[in-house]
């Protein structure tokens, strides 16, 4: 259990580092793009796949997010990443990305509307 907690803490630190690396002017555009997607999703208060859905709900947290973090970290220059990690160590609270949360809510609303349209259209 302690290993899992340490791993989660490390992932959180890396997310903060990615947040700062995204804002760094020397981060390449393609790394910024992936980093923005990963950080926005991680900091969003709403998951694309809600956690109450069995198995799939935790799949993004346990598999997709760590893979996205690892890929983004590989794209960032070493010196930029080192500076970003130093900034991340000082970070105390996690920023919320309400724009991403709103987009995810819109996606779910769209799915629900499509389901309702299909159901009402066949009645």
C-alpha atoms as a PDB file:
ATOM      1  CA  UNK A   1       0.000   0.000   0.000  1.00  0.00           C
ATOM      2  CA  UNK A   2       2.841   2.387   0.802  1.00  0.00           C
ATOM      3  CA  UNK A   3       4.364   1.785  -2.623  1.00  0.00           C
ATOM      4  CA  UNK A   4       1.080   2.712  -4.257  1.00  0.00           C
ATOM      5  CA  UNK A   5       0.840   5.899  -2.195  1.00  0.00           C
ATOM      6  CA  UNK A   6       4.423   6.829  -3.088  1.00  0.00           C
ATOM      7  CA  UNK A   7       3.678   6.194  -6.772  1.00  0.00           C
ATOM      8  CA  UNK A   8       0.563   8.386  -6.615  1.00  0.00           C
ATOM      9  CA  UNK A   9       2.521  11.154  -4.895  1.00  0.00           C
ATOM     10  CA  UNK A  10       5.212  10.949  -7.584  1.00  0.00           C
ATOM     11  CA  UNK A  11       2.587  11.174 -10.343  1.00  0.00           C
ATOM     12  CA  UNK A  12       1.110  14.237  -8.673  1.00  0.00           C
ATOM     13  CA  UNK A  13       4.544  15.877  -8.534  1.00  0.00           C
ATOM     14  CA  UNK A  14       5.130  15.088 -12.197  1.00  0.00           C
ATOM     15  CA  UNK A  15       1.774  16.626 -13.106  1.00  0.00           C
ATOM     16  CA  UNK A  16       2.786  19.839 -11.387  1.00  0.00           C
ATOM     17  CA  UNK A  17       6.086  19.731 -13.262  1.00  0.00           C
ATOM     18  CA  UNK A  18       4.204  19.282 -16.537  1.00  0.00           C
ATOM     19  CA  UNK A  19       2.011  22.241 -15.651  1.00  0.00           C
ATOM     20  CA  UNK A  20       5.094  24.447 -15.301  1.00  0.00           C
ATOM     21  CA  UNK A  21       6.823  22.920 -18.343  1.00  0.00           C
ATOM     22  CA  UNK A  22       3.783  23.773 -20.462  1.00  0.00           C
ATOM     23  CA  UNK A  23       4.198  27.414 -19.533  1.00  0.00           C
ATOM     24  CA  UNK A  24       7.953  27.418 -20.216  1.00  0.00           C
ATOM     25  CA  UNK A  25       8.916  29.191 -23.467  1.00  0.00           C
ATOM     26  CA  UNK A  26      11.502  26.549 -24.425  1.00  0.00           C
ATOM     27  CA  UNK A  27       9.032  23.669 -24.421  1.00  0.00           C
ATOM     28  CA  UNK A  28       8.382  22.567 -28.038  1.00  0.00           C
ATOM     29  CA  UNK A  29       4.878  23.132 -29.410  1.00  0.00           C
ATOM     30  CA  UNK A  30       4.138  19.398 -29.812  1.00  0.00           C
ATOM     31  CA  UNK A  31       5.125  18.767 -26.177  1.00  0.00           C
ATOM     32  CA  UNK A  32       2.970  21.712 -25.102  1.00  0.00           C
ATOM     33  CA  UNK A  33       0.003  20.259 -26.969  1.00  0.00           C
ATOM     34  CA  UNK A  34       0.239  16.845 -25.312  1.00  0.00           C
ATOM     35  CA  UNK A  35       1.115  18.369 -21.954  1.00  0.00           C
ATOM     36  CA  UNK A  36      -1.894  20.692 -22.125  1.00  0.00           C
ATOM     37  CA  UNK A  37      -4.196  17.750 -22.800  1.00  0.00           C
ATOM     38  CA  UNK A  38      -2.742  15.606 -20.006  1.00  0.00           C
ATOM     39  CA  UNK A  39      -2.629  18.389 -17.415  1.00  0.00           C
ATOM     40  CA  UNK A  40      -6.080  19.724 -18.305  1.00  0.00           C
ATOM     41  CA  UNK A  41      -7.589  16.279 -17.962  1.00  0.00           C
ATOM     42  CA  UNK A  42      -5.752  15.508 -14.731  1.00  0.00           C
ATOM     43  CA  UNK A  43      -6.666  18.830 -13.106  1.00  0.00           C
ATOM     44  CA  UNK A  44     -10.259  18.703 -14.279  1.00  0.00           C
ATOM     45  CA  UNK A  45     -12.671  18.072 -11.422  1.00  0.00           C
ATOM     46  CA  UNK A  46     -14.707  15.812 -13.723  1.00  0.00           C
ATOM     47  CA  UNK A  47     -13.518  12.568 -15.348  1.00  0.00           C
ATOM     48  CA  UNK A  48     -14.372  11.706 -18.929  1.00  0.00           C
ATOM     49  CA  UNK A  49     -15.347   8.266 -17.661  1.00  0.00           C
ATOM     50  CA  UNK A  50     -16.964   8.710 -14.206  1.00  0.00           C
ATOM     51  CA  UNK A  51     -15.434   6.622 -11.418  1.00  0.00           C
ATOM     52  CA  UNK A  52     -18.777   5.038 -10.501  1.00  0.00           C
ATOM     53  CA  UNK A  53     -18.741   3.038 -13.768  1.00  0.00           C
ATOM     54  CA  UNK A  54     -17.246  -0.344 -12.808  1.00  0.00           C
ATOM     55  CA  UNK A  55     -13.701  -0.991 -14.052  1.00  0.00           C
ATOM     56  CA  UNK A  56     -13.794   1.619 -16.838  1.00  0.00           C
ATOM     57  CA  UNK A  57     -14.226   4.440 -14.331  1.00  0.00           C
ATOM     58  CA  UNK A  58     -10.771   3.891 -12.885  1.00  0.00           C
ATOM     59  CA  UNK A  59      -9.108   2.881 -16.143  1.00  0.00           C
ATOM     60  CA  UNK A  60      -8.272   6.472 -17.076  1.00  0.00           C
ATOM     61  CA  UNK A  61      -6.822   7.185 -13.630  1.00  0.00           C
ATOM     62  CA  UNK A  62      -4.748   4.013 -13.445  1.00  0.00           C
ATOM     63  CA  UNK A  63      -3.604   3.518 -17.029  1.00  0.00           C
ATOM     64  CA  UNK A  64      -4.268   6.379 -19.434  1.00  0.00           C
ATOM     65  CA  UNK A  65      -3.175   9.237 -17.200  1.00  0.00           C
ATOM     66  CA  UNK A  66       0.186   7.690 -16.188  1.00  0.00           C
ATOM     67  CA  UNK A  67       0.890   6.823 -19.846  1.00  0.00           C
ATOM     68  CA  UNK A  68       0.095  10.389 -20.906  1.00  0.00           C
ATOM     69  CA  UNK A  69       2.344  11.772 -18.179  1.00  0.00           C
ATOM     70  CA  UNK A  70       5.222   9.490 -19.162  1.00  0.00           C
ATOM     71  CA  UNK A  71       4.937  10.392 -22.857  1.00  0.00           C
ATOM     72  CA  UNK A  72       4.737  14.133 -22.153  1.00  0.00           C
ATOM     73  CA  UNK A  73       7.772  13.962 -19.844  1.00  0.00           C
ATOM     74  CA  UNK A  74       9.830  12.369 -22.636  1.00  0.00           C
ATOM     75  CA  UNK A  75       9.025  15.234 -25.023  1.00  0.00           C
ATOM     76  CA  UNK A  76      10.231  18.031 -22.745  1.00  0.00           C
ATOM     77  CA  UNK A  77      13.904  19.113 -22.789  1.00  0.00           C
ATOM     78  CA  UNK A  78      15.826  17.912 -19.708  1.00  0.00           C
ATOM     79  CA  UNK A  79      16.775  21.365 -18.432  1.00  0.00           C
ATOM     80  CA  UNK A  80      13.206  22.650 -18.778  1.00  0.00           C
ATOM     81  CA  UNK A  81      11.932  19.578 -16.956  1.00  0.00           C
ATOM     82  CA  UNK A  82      14.465  20.070 -14.156  1.00  0.00           C
ATOM     83  CA  UNK A  83      13.375  23.707 -13.664  1.00  0.00           C
ATOM     84  CA  UNK A  84       9.733  22.678 -13.785  1.00  0.00           C
ATOM     85  CA  UNK A  85      10.264  19.967 -11.189  1.00  0.00           C
ATOM     86  CA  UNK A  86      11.908  22.487  -8.884  1.00  0.00           C
ATOM     87  CA  UNK A  87       8.893  24.769  -9.252  1.00  0.00           C
ATOM     88  CA  UNK A  88       6.555  21.828  -8.697  1.00  0.00           C
ATOM     89  CA  UNK A  89       8.166  21.009  -5.362  1.00  0.00           C
ATOM     90  CA  UNK A  90       7.152  24.461  -4.138  1.00  0.00           C
ATOM     91  CA  UNK A  91       3.569  24.078  -5.346  1.00  0.00           C
ATOM     92  CA  UNK A  92       1.078  23.512  -2.545  1.00  0.00           C
ATOM     93  CA  UNK A  93      -2.368  23.452  -4.115  1.00  0.00           C
ATOM     94  CA  UNK A  94      -3.519  22.014  -7.381  1.00  0.00           C
ATOM     95  CA  UNK A  95      -5.062  24.316  -9.951  1.00  0.00           C
ATOM     96  CA  UNK A  96      -8.525  23.375 -11.216  1.00  0.00           C
ATOM     97  CA  UNK A  97      -9.247  23.499 -14.890  1.00  0.00           C
ATOM     98  CA  UNK A  98     -12.884  24.554 -15.075  1.00  0.00           C
ATOM     99  CA  UNK A  99     -12.767  24.971 -18.859  1.00  0.00           C
ATOM    100  CA  UNK A 100     -11.964  21.290 -19.294  1.00  0.00           C
ATOM    101  CA  UNK A 101     -14.627  20.406 -16.751  1.00  0.00           C
ATOM    102  CA  UNK A 102     -17.155  22.388 -18.771  1.00  0.00           C
ATOM    103  CA  UNK A 103     -16.104  20.640 -21.996  1.00  0.00           C
ATOM    104  CA  UNK A 104     -16.453  17.223 -20.393  1.00  0.00           C
ATOM    105  CA  UNK A 105     -19.891  18.198 -19.086  1.00  0.00           C
ATOM    106  CA  UNK A 106     -20.850  19.260 -22.607  1.00  0.00           C
ATOM    107  CA  UNK A 107     -19.697  15.900 -23.981  1.00  0.00           C
ATOM    108  CA  UNK A 108     -21.836  14.037 -21.419  1.00  0.00           C
ATOM    109  CA  UNK A 109     -24.769  16.351 -22.070  1.00  0.00           C
ATOM    110  CA  UNK A 110     -24.428  15.663 -25.793  1.00  0.00           C
ATOM    111  CA  UNK A 111     -24.366  11.913 -25.172  1.00  0.00           C
ATOM    112  CA  UNK A 112     -27.460  12.139 -22.971  1.00  0.00           C
ATOM    113  CA  UNK A 113     -29.263  14.276 -25.555  1.00  0.00           C
ATOM    114  CA  UNK A 114     -28.431  11.777 -28.302  1.00  0.00           C
ATOM    115  CA  UNK A 115     -29.734   8.912 -26.173  1.00  0.00           C
ATOM    116  CA  UNK A 116     -32.903  10.855 -25.352  1.00  0.00           C
ATOM    117  CA  UNK A 117     -33.404  11.754 -29.031  1.00  0.00           C
ATOM    118  CA  UNK A 118     -32.980   8.126 -30.075  1.00  0.00           C
ATOM    119  CA  UNK A 119     -35.347   6.887 -27.382  1.00  0.00           C
ATOM    120  CA  UNK A 120     -37.998   9.526 -28.045  1.00  0.00           C
ATOM    121  CA  UNK A 121     -37.673   9.140 -31.785  1.00  0.00           C
ATOM    122  CA  UNK A 122     -38.528   5.433 -31.566  1.00  0.00           C
ATOM    123  CA  UNK A 123     -41.499   5.803 -29.266  1.00  0.00           C
END
